[in-house]
């Protein structure tokens, strides 16, 4: 939060004003995506963040070197908070908040090298075909919002077309980086 960021390096810090939008960086699913994102992002990558909420993951991608980040959010009430956080973190030059349905908008921002999606597992499964079409060959999707108890079901659901490249667990939550086979 802003009141704890005064003495921190802005290049290595994400400042999020807590509001109604999900994603302050304090949740295990958010931290899981950021840990996995650091392993795959390359300078100049194009990223789509589905269900961006506060835009914390979009901001992280920009600060890790992404060229362009499309931050898609369906909840109208989260849009203003996401835009404020993008401006507060100085990444307006590469992060764009887009209001609407991720499944419908993802084809319009494609192709991308990385997709982040910290959303409940049932929605992630619905979005998999759109994610597949939006990724460039060799691209990665980082999925989170999945309970560890759902891990095996999610792995079965993404196979045989995807491979799990990395996993992250914290508390009751599981996150994974997947890529096309």
Foldseek 3Di string as FASTA:
>chain_A
DVVPPPPPDLLPDQCADDDPFDDPCPDPQNVFLLVVCLVDQDAQFEEEEEQCGLVRVVLSNVSSHHQAYEYEHADPVRQVNNVVSCVVSPNPNHYDYDYDHCQVCLVVSAQTQEYEYADAPVVVLVNVVSVQVRYDANGKYKYWVYFPVCVVVSVVSCPDQKDWDDWDDDDRIIMTIIHGD
